[in-house]
Amino acid sequence: MNDRFAIYENLKTRRTSVAVIGLGYVGRPVAEAFARHFDVVAYDISQERINHIKSSSPVKHDTVHFTSDANDLDKASLYIITVGTPVDELKRPDLSQLISVTKTVAGHLHHGDYVVYESTVYPGCTDSICIPLLEELSGIKCGADFKVGYSPERINPVDTEHTFRNTVKIVSGVDHDTSTMLQKIYRHVIQADVVCASGIRVAEASKIVENTQRCVNIALMNEMSRLFSQMDINFSEVLDMASTKWNFVDYRPGLVGGHCIPVDPYYLIAESARLGLDAPLTKSSCSVNDGMADYIVRSLLSILNSRTSCAPHKVLIMGFTYKANSDDIRNPAVAEMYAIFTAAGLSVDIIDPHADVASVKGTFGIELSAVPSPLYDLIIVTIGHDEYLELDEDYFIGIARRDAILADIKGIYRNKISKIGYWTL
């Protein structure tokens, strides 16, 4: 490889730095992991986020520089892009953050630099959108003057078992030398294996497939749950019985939220449509999962109206984040449940010990309650926060009206409730 691209040695000797751009749920752990071995410029446009990370990061500040000043990117030669790639209100891919940050990087790109995208995109996005934009705005050519790679993120927030450092990493590049160099750099940081895909499009596709597979499997369980509910069959027990077979994969029904399952399959659907192809299974699976909040609310309203006579009904929802013990409020199904309940005239309180009250209010216009305000006709536990796992039946009886219902979306209290109405998927 040309010495101009011998970036690994320059990083090891700290003659240059790694820039991690976008310090959300993906970027922050990536920046902190790289800072254990290299000098890092950790960049985000939000000064508020920078201040928060500075005060809470366990990494020594002499190896990482947290900044919202784009001029600091000039210190780097390896740019790792980890910004969000959501969908809009019509479920169309929204690449605005990716395009914006690509423009920013292009303004600091020099001969011999590397750019690696970790943001989830449809196959072909890096080649068709990102690289041409980098070339146009930097005035230099990919391959000859700078290198581009793609490495799908596999960050699982609050998961202490599967971390950035011990999870197998996929890398890819515009050519073989780029892939090999990126493999070498990531291996210096990651304890698990680092494998090379044959090309960027394969690496991009692997990420989409990971999350689409989960989307489809969860949708199947959601569909079966609705079916067996109509047949008056305990679906949780059905799954327990089915799980006794060695090759049964134990997916469970439920709400989906966050940035992966409710978002990534739509990137595949959009690209399929662009190619004139249909993706009926993926589209159907998204539809099933997207409809679960409405299904749960309608089912509970039907039961509630048949069991209680007091009006208006009062509801407590325990949990707003999509993931247990996480503060992640991206695409929460609870927000939709709240909207349906309130539109039906019910009074709804929501509590969550992990969700940031100001962020929920600013993003969704919903006021979280600090504590329950009994008594309730319906109590819905949507997530398995540690605080909720410790609760017993007496707790729910203490905040419930007579004939109240406990809706246990995750099945946390299954076989533990006998004195209060119980419902689960």
Protein backbone atom coordinates (compact mmCIF):
# COMPACT_ATOMS: atom_id res chain seq x y z
CA MET A 1 0.00 0.00 0.00
CA ASN A 2 1.14 3.52 -0.73
CA ASP A 3 2.81 5.10 2.33
CA ARG A 4 0.34 7.96 2.06
CA PHE A 5 -2.30 5.54 3.32
CA ALA A 6 -0.25 4.00 6.13
CA ILE A 7 -2.61 5.54 8.63
CA TYR A 8 -2.31 2.78 11.23
CA GLU A 9 1.24 3.69 12.22
CA ASN A 10 0.35 7.37 12.35
CA LEU A 11 -2.52 6.62 14.69
CA LYS A 12 -0.39 4.37 16.91
CA THR A 13 2.32 7.02 17.25
CA ARG A 14 -0.35 9.70 17.77
CA ARG A 15 0.85 11.79 14.83
CA THR A 16 -2.80 11.97 13.83
CA SER A 17 -6.20 11.33 15.39
CA VAL A 18 -9.45 9.48 14.91
CA ALA A 19 -12.54 11.68 14.57
CA VAL A 20 -15.84 10.14 15.70
CA ILE A 21 -18.69 12.27 14.42
CA GLY A 22 -22.09 12.06 16.09
CA LEU A 23 -22.01 11.16 19.79
CA GLY A 24 -25.34 9.46 20.31
CA TYR A 25 -25.94 5.87 21.39
CA VAL A 26 -23.48 4.63 18.76
CA GLY A 27 -20.86 7.34 18.56
CA ARG A 28 -20.11 7.76 22.24
CA PRO A 29 -19.07 4.14 22.95
CA VAL A 30 -17.11 4.08 19.68
CA ALA A 31 -15.23 7.24 20.65
CA GLU A 32 -14.51 5.98 24.16
CA ALA A 33 -13.28 2.62 22.87
CA PHE A 34 -10.92 4.19 20.33
CA ALA A 35 -9.64 6.65 22.96
CA ARG A 36 -8.20 3.72 24.91
CA HIS A 37 -5.68 3.26 22.09
CA PHE A 38 -5.54 6.40 19.92
CA ASP A 39 -6.04 10.13 20.15
CA VAL A 40 -9.68 10.91 19.40
CA VAL A 41 -11.60 13.99 18.37
CA ALA A 42 -15.19 13.30 19.48
CA TYR A 43 -17.43 15.72 17.60
CA ASP A 44 -21.12 16.52 17.90
CA ILE A 45 -23.05 19.62 16.85
CA SER A 46 -24.81 19.72 20.25
CA GLN A 47 -22.78 21.58 22.85
CA GLU A 48 -25.26 20.40 25.48
CA ARG A 49 -24.44 16.80 24.63
CA ILE A 50 -20.72 17.55 24.64
CA ASN A 51 -21.00 19.07 28.13
CA HIS A 52 -22.91 16.03 29.40
CA ILE A 53 -20.40 13.55 27.99
CA LYS A 54 -17.44 15.53 29.30
CA SER A 55 -18.85 15.32 32.82
CA SER A 56 -19.68 11.62 32.69
CA SER A 57 -17.17 9.91 30.39
CA PRO A 58 -14.82 7.44 32.11
CA VAL A 59 -12.14 8.03 29.45
CA LYS A 60 -9.16 10.23 30.28
CA HIS A 61 -9.50 13.60 28.57
CA ASP A 62 -5.84 13.58 27.50
CA THR A 63 -6.70 10.95 24.84
CA VAL A 64 -10.08 12.27 23.71
CA HIS A 65 -11.14 15.81 22.88
CA PHE A 66 -14.91 16.30 23.06
CA THR A 67 -15.91 19.21 20.88
CA SER A 68 -18.68 20.93 18.93
CA ASP A 69 -16.16 22.95 16.91
CA ALA A 70 -15.85 21.47 13.41
CA ASN A 71 -12.43 23.07 13.00
CA ASP A 72 -11.06 20.48 15.43
CA LEU A 73 -11.67 17.83 12.76
CA ASP A 74 -8.53 19.04 11.02
CA LYS A 75 -6.55 17.09 13.62
CA ALA A 76 -7.86 13.78 12.29
CA SER A 77 -7.07 11.50 9.38
CA LEU A 78 -9.64 8.78 10.11
CA TYR A 79 -13.26 9.96 10.23
CA ILE A 80 -15.84 7.57 11.68
CA ILE A 81 -19.40 8.74 11.00
CA THR A 82 -22.07 7.54 13.44
CA VAL A 83 -25.02 9.93 12.97
CA GLY A 84 -28.64 8.82 12.95
CA THR A 85 -30.47 7.70 9.83
CA PRO A 86 -34.17 7.81 10.74
CA VAL A 87 -37.31 7.73 8.63
CA ASP A 88 -39.72 10.62 8.19
CA GLU A 89 -43.42 10.71 9.10
CA LEU A 90 -44.21 8.80 5.89
CA LYS A 91 -41.62 6.10 6.74
CA ARG A 92 -39.26 7.28 4.00
CA PRO A 93 -35.49 7.21 4.62
CA ASP A 94 -34.24 10.49 6.03
CA LEU A 95 -30.57 10.94 5.12
CA SER A 96 -30.37 14.61 6.10
CA GLN A 97 -28.00 14.05 9.03
CA LEU A 98 -25.78 11.75 6.97
CA ILE A 99 -25.59 14.22 4.10
CA SER A 100 -24.92 17.13 6.43
CA VAL A 101 -22.05 15.42 8.22
CA THR A 102 -20.60 14.18 4.93
CA LYS A 103 -20.46 17.80 3.77
CA THR A 104 -18.72 18.73 7.02
CA VAL A 105 -16.11 15.99 6.65
CA ALA A 106 -15.51 16.91 3.00
CA GLY A 107 -14.44 20.36 4.14
CA HIS A 108 -11.64 18.85 6.23
CA LEU A 109 -10.59 15.97 3.98
CA HIS A 110 -6.95 15.67 2.92
CA HIS A 111 -4.84 13.32 0.83
CA GLY A 112 -4.35 10.01 2.64
CA ASP A 113 -7.42 10.32 4.88
CA TYR A 114 -9.98 7.60 5.56
CA VAL A 115 -13.73 8.00 6.02
CA VAL A 116 -15.74 5.15 7.58
CA TYR A 117 -19.53 5.14 7.76
CA GLU A 118 -21.17 3.21 10.61
CA SER A 119 -24.66 4.71 10.19
CA THR A 120 -27.28 2.26 8.94
CA VAL A 121 -28.18 2.81 5.28
CA TYR A 122 -29.62 0.90 2.34
CA PRO A 123 -27.15 -1.08 0.17
CA GLY A 124 -25.48 1.26 -2.28
CA CYS A 125 -25.94 4.48 -0.29
CA THR A 126 -22.24 4.94 0.47
CA ASP A 127 -21.27 4.50 -3.18
CA SER A 128 -24.09 6.51 -4.73
CA ILE A 129 -24.51 9.39 -2.29
CA CYS A 130 -21.67 9.71 0.22
CA ILE A 131 -18.59 9.17 -1.95
CA PRO A 132 -19.72 11.50 -4.79
CA LEU A 133 -20.48 14.20 -2.23
CA LEU A 134 -17.09 13.81 -0.57
CA GLU A 135 -15.36 14.04 -3.96
CA GLU A 136 -17.38 17.02 -5.15
CA LEU A 137 -16.84 19.14 -2.05
CA SER A 138 -13.26 18.13 -1.26
CA GLY A 139 -11.95 18.34 -4.82
CA ILE A 140 -10.03 15.08 -4.45
CA LYS A 141 -10.81 11.56 -5.65
CA CYS A 142 -11.83 8.52 -3.67
CA GLY A 143 -9.43 5.63 -4.11
CA ALA A 144 -6.55 7.71 -5.45
CA ASP A 145 -6.52 10.49 -2.84
CA PHE A 146 -8.63 9.27 0.07
CA LYS A 147 -10.28 6.01 1.11
CA VAL A 148 -13.83 5.18 2.17
CA GLY A 149 -15.14 2.22 4.13
CA TYR A 150 -18.32 1.00 5.74
CA SER A 151 -18.62 -0.82 9.07
CA PRO A 152 -22.17 -1.48 10.33
CA GLU A 153 -22.71 -0.49 13.94
CA ARG A 154 -23.65 -3.20 16.44
CA ILE A 155 -24.12 -1.13 19.55
CA ASN A 156 -26.72 -2.44 22.00
CA PRO A 157 -27.36 0.30 24.59
CA VAL A 158 -27.16 -0.68 28.30
CA ASP A 159 -26.07 -4.21 27.34
CA THR A 160 -22.97 -4.91 29.44
CA GLU A 161 -22.50 -8.38 27.95
CA HIS A 162 -22.37 -7.48 24.25
CA THR A 163 -20.20 -4.37 24.04
CA PHE A 164 -18.45 -2.57 21.20
CA ARG A 165 -15.14 -4.15 22.21
CA ASN A 166 -16.30 -7.78 22.45
CA THR A 167 -18.75 -7.94 19.53
CA VAL A 168 -17.62 -9.23 16.14
CA LYS A 169 -17.09 -6.30 13.78
CA ILE A 170 -17.59 -6.17 10.01
CA VAL A 171 -15.44 -3.85 7.90
CA SER A 172 -15.37 -3.10 4.19
CA GLY A 173 -13.68 -0.67 1.86
CA VAL A 174 -13.58 0.72 -1.64
CA ASP A 175 -10.74 -1.69 -2.37
CA HIS A 176 -8.93 -4.61 -0.78
CA ASP A 177 -6.18 -2.47 0.73
CA THR A 178 -8.74 -0.25 2.44
CA SER A 179 -10.56 -3.22 3.95
CA THR A 180 -7.28 -4.69 5.18
CA MET A 181 -6.19 -1.41 6.77
CA LEU A 182 -9.54 -0.89 8.47
CA GLN A 183 -9.45 -4.46 9.74
CA LYS A 184 -6.03 -3.74 11.26
CA ILE A 185 -7.18 -0.52 12.90
CA TYR A 186 -10.38 -1.98 14.35
CA ARG A 187 -8.52 -5.07 15.59
CA HIS A 188 -6.33 -2.75 17.65
CA VAL A 189 -9.48 -1.59 19.46
CA ILE A 190 -11.81 -4.60 19.42
CA GLN A 191 -11.12 -7.82 21.32
CA ALA A 192 -13.52 -9.88 19.18
CA ASP A 193 -12.91 -10.87 15.57
CA VAL A 194 -12.95 -8.26 12.81
CA VAL A 195 -14.09 -9.71 9.48
CA CYS A 196 -13.86 -8.20 6.00
CA ALA A 197 -16.87 -8.14 3.70
CA SER A 198 -16.12 -8.42 -0.01
CA GLY A 199 -17.44 -4.92 -0.60
CA ILE A 200 -19.27 -1.97 0.92
CA ARG A 201 -22.68 -2.98 -0.45
CA VAL A 202 -22.41 -6.39 1.23
CA ALA A 203 -21.57 -4.76 4.58
CA GLU A 204 -24.45 -2.30 4.22
CA ALA A 205 -26.84 -5.14 3.36
CA SER A 206 -25.72 -7.24 6.33
CA LYS A 207 -26.91 -4.58 8.76
CA ILE A 208 -30.28 -4.23 7.07
CA VAL A 209 -30.74 -8.02 7.08
CA GLU A 210 -29.89 -8.30 10.79
CA ASN A 211 -32.70 -5.98 11.79
CA THR A 212 -35.19 -7.02 9.12
CA GLN A 213 -34.89 -10.62 10.28
CA ARG A 214 -35.79 -9.56 13.81
CA CYS A 215 -38.63 -7.43 12.47
CA VAL A 216 -40.12 -10.38 10.60
CA ASN A 217 -39.76 -12.83 13.48
CA ILE A 218 -41.29 -10.46 16.02
CA ALA A 219 -44.12 -9.69 13.60
CA LEU A 220 -44.86 -13.40 13.30
CA MET A 221 -45.09 -13.70 17.08
CA ASN A 222 -47.30 -10.60 17.26
CA GLU A 223 -49.60 -12.04 14.62
CA MET A 224 -49.76 -15.40 16.41
CA SER A 225 -50.44 -13.67 19.73
CA ARG A 226 -53.45 -11.90 18.27
CA LEU A 227 -54.71 -15.10 16.68
CA PHE A 228 -54.39 -17.26 19.78
CA SER A 229 -55.97 -14.56 21.92
CA GLN A 230 -59.12 -14.89 19.81
CA MET A 231 -58.92 -18.66 20.30
CA ASP A 232 -58.62 -18.19 24.09
CA ILE A 233 -55.24 -19.95 24.13
CA ASN A 234 -52.44 -18.78 26.41
CA PHE A 235 -49.77 -17.82 23.89
CA SER A 236 -47.02 -17.49 26.49
CA GLU A 237 -47.54 -21.13 27.37
CA VAL A 238 -47.60 -22.03 23.69
CA LEU A 239 -44.17 -20.46 23.28
CA ASP A 240 -42.87 -22.23 26.38
CA MET A 241 -43.97 -25.55 24.92
CA ALA A 242 -42.60 -24.79 21.46
CA SER A 243 -39.27 -23.76 23.00
CA THR A 244 -38.68 -27.30 24.22
CA LYS A 245 -37.67 -28.18 20.64
CA TRP A 246 -33.95 -27.66 20.02
CA ASN A 247 -34.32 -25.64 16.82
CA PHE A 248 -37.14 -23.33 17.90
CA VAL A 249 -36.05 -19.68 18.17
CA ASP A 250 -37.79 -18.09 21.14
CA TYR A 251 -38.94 -14.72 19.86
CA ARG A 252 -41.70 -13.12 21.94
CA PRO A 253 -44.52 -10.78 20.90
CA GLY A 254 -44.47 -7.15 21.95
CA LEU A 255 -44.00 -3.51 21.11
CA VAL A 256 -41.00 -2.45 19.04
CA GLY A 257 -39.21 0.86 19.41
CA GLY A 258 -35.82 2.48 19.14
CA HIS A 259 -33.83 3.03 15.98
CA CYS A 260 -33.44 -0.45 14.50
CA ILE A 261 -36.55 -2.59 14.05
CA PRO A 262 -39.07 0.24 13.48
CA VAL A 263 -36.73 2.03 11.06
CA ASP A 264 -34.16 -0.07 9.18
CA PRO A 265 -36.57 -2.33 7.23
CA TYR A 266 -38.08 0.77 5.63
CA TYR A 267 -34.70 1.54 4.07
CA LEU A 268 -34.84 -1.86 2.39
CA ILE A 269 -38.46 -1.33 1.33
CA ALA A 270 -37.59 2.05 -0.21
CA GLU A 271 -34.62 0.67 -2.14
CA SER A 272 -36.73 -2.28 -3.35
CA ALA A 273 -39.32 0.14 -4.69
CA ARG A 274 -36.62 2.18 -6.43
CA LEU A 275 -35.51 -0.99 -8.21
CA GLY A 276 -39.09 -1.79 -9.23
CA LEU A 277 -39.32 -4.73 -6.85
CA ASP A 278 -41.77 -5.55 -4.08
CA ALA A 279 -40.90 -6.66 -0.55
CA PRO A 280 -44.27 -8.01 0.61
CA LEU A 281 -43.04 -9.97 3.63
CA THR A 282 -40.98 -7.09 4.97
CA LYS A 283 -43.79 -4.59 4.38
CA SER A 284 -46.34 -6.87 6.02
CA SER A 285 -44.06 -7.41 9.01
CA CYS A 286 -43.58 -3.68 9.48
CA SER A 287 -47.33 -3.21 9.28
CA VAL A 288 -47.98 -5.84 11.93
CA ASN A 289 -45.42 -4.39 14.32
CA ASP A 290 -46.49 -0.81 13.69
CA GLY A 291 -50.06 -1.80 14.52
CA MET A 292 -49.34 -3.41 17.89
CA ALA A 293 -49.79 -0.27 19.96
CA ASP A 294 -53.24 0.25 18.48
CA TYR A 295 -54.10 -3.44 18.94
CA ILE A 296 -53.07 -3.43 22.60
CA VAL A 297 -55.01 -0.26 23.39
CA ARG A 298 -58.17 -1.42 21.58
CA SER A 299 -58.03 -4.82 23.29
CA LEU A 300 -57.63 -3.27 26.72
CA LEU A 301 -60.36 -0.71 26.13
CA SER A 302 -62.74 -3.50 25.20
CA ILE A 303 -61.93 -5.43 28.38
CA LEU A 304 -61.98 -2.30 30.51
CA ASN A 305 -65.39 -1.21 29.29
CA SER A 306 -66.82 -4.65 29.98
CA ARG A 307 -65.44 -4.89 33.52
CA THR A 308 -65.75 -1.39 35.00
CA SER A 309 -68.58 1.08 35.19
CA CYS A 310 -66.79 4.20 36.42
CA ALA A 311 -66.06 6.94 33.91
CA PRO A 312 -63.82 8.44 32.85
CA HIS A 313 -61.34 5.62 33.20
CA LYS A 314 -57.88 6.33 34.56
CA VAL A 315 -54.78 4.65 33.15
CA LEU A 316 -51.22 4.28 34.42
CA ILE A 317 -48.51 3.37 31.91
CA MET A 318 -45.30 2.20 33.53
CA GLY A 319 -42.46 2.65 31.05
CA PHE A 320 -41.79 5.07 28.21
CA THR A 321 -38.38 4.02 26.88
CA TYR A 322 -38.31 1.18 24.39
CA LYS A 323 -35.53 -0.76 26.14
CA ALA A 324 -35.17 -1.91 29.75
CA ASN A 325 -32.92 0.25 31.95
CA SER A 326 -32.24 2.62 29.05
CA ASP A 327 -33.06 6.31 28.60
CA ASP A 328 -33.60 5.82 24.85
CA ILE A 329 -36.89 7.43 23.81
CA ARG A 330 -36.52 7.04 20.04
CA ASN A 331 -39.74 5.84 18.37
CA PRO A 332 -41.50 4.71 21.56
CA ALA A 333 -44.76 2.83 20.99
CA VAL A 334 -45.98 4.23 24.31
CA ALA A 335 -46.39 7.67 22.73
CA GLU A 336 -48.89 6.20 20.27
CA MET A 337 -50.70 4.35 23.06
CA TYR A 338 -50.97 7.59 25.02
CA ALA A 339 -52.45 9.38 22.01
CA ILE A 340 -55.09 6.71 21.44
CA PHE A 341 -56.09 6.55 25.10
CA THR A 342 -56.40 10.31 25.46
CA ALA A 343 -58.34 10.58 22.18
CA ALA A 344 -60.79 8.08 23.68
CA GLY A 345 -61.28 10.37 26.68
CA LEU A 346 -59.18 8.52 29.25
CA SER A 347 -56.93 10.16 31.80
CA VAL A 348 -53.38 8.80 31.41
CA ASP A 349 -50.36 9.02 33.71
CA ILE A 350 -46.95 7.79 32.53
CA ILE A 351 -44.00 7.07 34.80
CA ASP A 352 -40.49 5.93 33.90
CA PRO A 353 -37.45 6.12 36.20
CA HIS A 354 -35.04 6.10 33.25
CA ALA A 355 -36.64 8.52 30.78
CA ASP A 356 -35.56 12.17 30.85
CA VAL A 357 -38.65 14.22 31.67
CA ALA A 358 -37.55 17.29 29.70
CA SER A 359 -36.64 15.24 26.61
CA VAL A 360 -40.02 13.48 26.60
CA LYS A 361 -41.84 16.79 27.00
CA GLY A 362 -39.77 18.49 24.30
CA THR A 363 -40.02 15.65 21.79
CA PHE A 364 -43.55 14.35 22.33
CA GLY A 365 -45.32 17.02 24.36
CA ILE A 366 -46.07 14.46 27.07
CA GLU A 367 -45.63 15.24 30.76
CA LEU A 368 -44.22 12.28 32.67
CA SER A 369 -45.36 11.87 36.26
CA ALA A 370 -42.81 11.48 39.04
CA VAL A 371 -44.96 8.98 40.95
CA PRO A 372 -48.31 7.25 40.42
CA SER A 373 -51.48 9.10 41.38
CA PRO A 374 -53.95 6.30 42.27
CA LEU A 375 -56.45 4.88 41.88
CA TYR A 376 -56.30 3.34 38.40
CA ASP A 377 -58.67 1.24 36.32
CA LEU A 378 -55.89 0.04 34.06
CA ILE A 379 -52.17 -0.37 34.77
CA ILE A 380 -49.90 -1.17 31.84
CA VAL A 381 -46.31 -2.30 32.37
CA THR A 382 -44.57 -1.96 29.02
CA ILE A 383 -40.92 -2.63 29.87
CA GLY A 384 -38.81 -4.71 32.23
CA HIS A 385 -36.90 -2.00 34.09
CA ASP A 386 -35.11 -3.39 37.13
CA GLU A 387 -37.32 -1.24 39.34
CA TYR A 388 -40.41 -2.97 37.95
CA LEU A 389 -39.05 -6.49 38.30
CA GLU A 390 -39.01 -6.05 42.06
CA LEU A 391 -42.73 -5.22 42.33
CA ASP A 392 -45.25 -7.73 43.65
CA GLU A 393 -49.00 -8.09 43.34
CA ASP A 394 -49.66 -6.10 46.52
CA TYR A 395 -48.05 -3.05 44.91
CA PHE A 396 -50.52 -3.12 42.01
CA ILE A 397 -53.49 -3.83 44.27
CA GLY A 398 -52.50 -0.77 46.29
CA ILE A 399 -52.83 1.59 43.32
CA ALA A 400 -55.73 -0.10 41.54
CA ARG A 401 -59.47 0.31 41.70
CA ARG A 402 -61.77 -2.65 42.09
CA ASP A 403 -62.07 -4.63 38.85
CA ALA A 404 -58.88 -3.02 37.55
CA ILE A 405 -56.68 -4.69 34.95
CA LEU A 406 -52.93 -5.20 35.01
CA ALA A 407 -51.66 -5.38 31.41
CA ASP A 408 -48.22 -6.99 31.47
CA ILE A 409 -46.82 -6.47 27.97
CA LYS A 410 -43.55 -8.32 28.65
CA GLY A 411 -45.08 -11.11 30.74
CA ILE A 412 -42.96 -10.10 33.74
CA TYR A 413 -45.57 -11.11 36.32
CA ARG A 414 -46.96 -14.16 34.58
CA ASN A 415 -48.04 -16.81 37.13
CA LYS A 416 -47.57 -14.25 39.94
CA ILE A 417 -50.92 -12.44 39.71
CA SER A 418 -54.15 -13.92 41.10
CA LYS A 419 -56.04 -11.15 42.93
CA ILE A 420 -56.26 -8.60 40.13
CA GLY A 421 -57.33 -8.86 36.51
CA TYR A 422 -54.36 -9.85 34.37
CA TRP A 423 -53.70 -9.49 30.63
CA THR A 424 -50.65 -10.20 28.53
CA LEU A 425 -49.79 -10.82 24.88
